[in-house]
Amino acid sequence: MPNRTRIDVLPIQEAVATASPRAWRDGIVVAREPDTITVALLDGGATVLATRAAPASGEPVAVHLVAEVVALGGAWYAARPVVG
């Protein structure tokens, strides 16, 4: 298993993300607020995530919506969808 930094990622989240690699979706950060990011997904749509990740607008990320993880560079962060 690759060595990566994990921030607030539970072992079950890592297990789900690792077991289902096809669920990762690439995106570009289009907005950042305190504790949330908005990601435009390259395959269409957008999602708002509550996370400690702090990418700049325009930065590429990968999102695993099932495991609730966002990958930024070599780090994985917990990323809960914001509903509402």
C-alpha atoms as a PDB file:
ATOM      1  CA  MET A   1       0.000   0.000   0.000  1.00  0.00           C
ATOM      2  CA  PRO A   2       1.423   3.420  -0.894  1.00  0.00           C
ATOM      3  CA  ASN A   3       2.579   5.608   1.960  1.00  0.00           C
ATOM      4  CA  ARG A   4       0.348   8.678   2.104  1.00  0.00           C
ATOM      5  CA  THR A   5      -0.549  11.227   4.728  1.00  0.00           C
ATOM      6  CA  ARG A   6      -4.059  10.811   6.150  1.00  0.00           C
ATOM      7  CA  ILE A   7      -5.846  13.705   7.864  1.00  0.00           C
ATOM      8  CA  ASP A   8      -8.978  12.740   9.842  1.00  0.00           C
ATOM      9  CA  VAL A   9      -9.454   9.655   7.612  1.00  0.00           C
ATOM     10  CA  LEU A  10     -10.818   6.656   9.482  1.00  0.00           C
ATOM     11  CA  PRO A  11      -9.447   3.185   8.724  1.00  0.00           C
ATOM     12  CA  ILE A  12     -12.796   2.155   7.202  1.00  0.00           C
ATOM     13  CA  GLN A  13     -12.698   5.159   4.852  1.00  0.00           C
ATOM     14  CA  GLU A  14      -9.233   4.172   3.676  1.00  0.00           C
ATOM     15  CA  ALA A  15     -10.345   0.559   3.230  1.00  0.00           C
ATOM     16  CA  VAL A  16     -13.366   1.586   1.129  1.00  0.00           C
ATOM     17  CA  ALA A  17     -11.334   4.015  -0.995  1.00  0.00           C
ATOM     18  CA  THR A  18      -8.609   1.448  -1.583  1.00  0.00           C
ATOM     19  CA  ALA A  19     -11.065  -1.366  -2.355  1.00  0.00           C
ATOM     20  CA  SER A  20     -13.025   0.670  -4.920  1.00  0.00           C
ATOM     21  CA  PRO A  21     -10.500   2.637  -6.978  1.00  0.00           C
ATOM     22  CA  ARG A  22     -12.956   3.220  -9.841  1.00  0.00           C
ATOM     23  CA  ALA A  23     -15.100   5.408  -7.578  1.00  0.00           C
ATOM     24  CA  TRP A  24     -12.466   8.168  -7.503  1.00  0.00           C
ATOM     25  CA  ARG A  25     -13.540  11.224  -9.515  1.00  0.00           C
ATOM     26  CA  ASP A  26     -11.214  13.974 -10.659  1.00  0.00           C
ATOM     27  CA  GLY A  27     -12.149  17.597 -10.175  1.00  0.00           C
ATOM     28  CA  ILE A  28     -11.009  21.184  -9.902  1.00  0.00           C
ATOM     29  CA  VAL A  29     -11.546  23.299  -6.800  1.00  0.00           C
ATOM     30  CA  VAL A  30     -13.727  26.258  -7.800  1.00  0.00           C
ATOM     31  CA  ALA A  31     -14.274  27.811  -4.363  1.00  0.00           C
ATOM     32  CA  ARG A  32     -12.878  27.578  -0.872  1.00  0.00           C
ATOM     33  CA  GLU A  33     -14.531  28.789   2.302  1.00  0.00           C
ATOM     34  CA  PRO A  34     -13.481  28.100   5.868  1.00  0.00           C
ATOM     35  CA  ASP A  35     -13.885  24.330   6.355  1.00  0.00           C
ATOM     36  CA  THR A  36     -15.501  23.706   2.929  1.00  0.00           C
ATOM     37  CA  ILE A  37     -14.459  23.382  -0.694  1.00  0.00           C
ATOM     38  CA  THR A  38     -16.554  23.321  -3.844  1.00  0.00           C
ATOM     39  CA  VAL A  39     -15.277  20.932  -6.484  1.00  0.00           C
ATOM     40  CA  ALA A  40     -16.332  20.937 -10.154  1.00  0.00           C
ATOM     41  CA  LEU A  41     -16.112  17.292 -11.151  1.00  0.00           C
ATOM     42  CA  LEU A  42     -14.556  16.665 -14.562  1.00  0.00           C
ATOM     43  CA  ASP A  43     -17.277  14.152 -15.463  1.00  0.00           C
ATOM     44  CA  GLY A  44     -20.009  16.732 -14.720  1.00  0.00           C
ATOM     45  CA  GLY A  45     -21.634  18.265 -11.706  1.00  0.00           C
ATOM     46  CA  ALA A  46     -20.197  19.789  -8.593  1.00  0.00           C
ATOM     47  CA  THR A  47     -20.024  18.927  -4.923  1.00  0.00           C
ATOM     48  CA  VAL A  48     -19.481  20.908  -1.733  1.00  0.00           C
ATOM     49  CA  LEU A  49     -17.377  19.119   0.860  1.00  0.00           C
ATOM     50  CA  ALA A  50     -16.719  19.844   4.524  1.00  0.00           C
ATOM     51  CA  THR A  51     -13.003  19.147   4.970  1.00  0.00           C
ATOM     52  CA  ARG A  52      -9.772  20.323   6.546  1.00  0.00           C
ATOM     53  CA  ALA A  53      -8.108  20.241   3.119  1.00  0.00           C
ATOM     54  CA  ALA A  54      -7.133  23.733   2.002  1.00  0.00           C
ATOM     55  CA  PRO A  55      -6.468  23.661  -1.740  1.00  0.00           C
ATOM     56  CA  ALA A  56      -6.355  26.866  -3.731  1.00  0.00           C
ATOM     57  CA  SER A  57      -9.056  27.645  -6.270  1.00  0.00           C
ATOM     58  CA  GLY A  58      -8.097  26.023  -9.557  1.00  0.00           C
ATOM     59  CA  GLU A  59      -6.159  23.214  -7.893  1.00  0.00           C
ATOM     60  CA  PRO A  60      -6.883  19.636  -9.042  1.00  0.00           C
ATOM     61  CA  VAL A  61      -8.168  17.091  -6.522  1.00  0.00           C
ATOM     62  CA  ALA A  62      -9.586  13.582  -6.551  1.00  0.00           C
ATOM     63  CA  VAL A  63     -12.806  12.870  -4.685  1.00  0.00           C
ATOM     64  CA  HIS A  64     -14.097   9.500  -3.452  1.00  0.00           C
ATOM     65  CA  LEU A  65     -17.721  10.278  -2.597  1.00  0.00           C
ATOM     66  CA  VAL A  66     -18.489   6.805  -1.194  1.00  0.00           C
ATOM     67  CA  ALA A  67     -15.527   6.790   1.204  1.00  0.00           C
ATOM     68  CA  GLU A  68     -15.913  10.547   1.852  1.00  0.00           C
ATOM     69  CA  VAL A  69     -12.265  11.294   1.079  1.00  0.00           C
ATOM     70  CA  VAL A  70     -10.548  13.989  -0.963  1.00  0.00           C
ATOM     71  CA  ALA A  71      -6.995  13.527  -2.226  1.00  0.00           C
ATOM     72  CA  LEU A  72      -4.810  16.591  -2.533  1.00  0.00           C
ATOM     73  CA  GLY A  73      -1.291  15.835  -3.680  1.00  0.00           C
ATOM     74  CA  GLY A  74      -0.032  12.944  -1.564  1.00  0.00           C
ATOM     75  CA  ALA A  75      -2.497  13.521   1.274  1.00  0.00           C
ATOM     76  CA  TRP A  76      -5.971  12.143   1.897  1.00  0.00           C
ATOM     77  CA  TYR A  77      -8.459  14.190   3.926  1.00  0.00           C
ATOM     78  CA  ALA A  78     -11.863  13.274   5.311  1.00  0.00           C
ATOM     79  CA  ALA A  79     -14.454  15.123   3.206  1.00  0.00           C
ATOM     80  CA  ARG A  80     -18.128  14.973   4.114  1.00  0.00           C
ATOM     81  CA  PRO A  81     -20.663  16.150   1.512  1.00  0.00           C
ATOM     82  CA  VAL A  82     -22.559  19.238   2.622  1.00  0.00           C
ATOM     83  CA  VAL A  83     -26.288  18.663   2.268  1.00  0.00           C
ATOM     84  CA  GLY A  84     -28.729  21.471   1.870  1.00  0.00           C
END
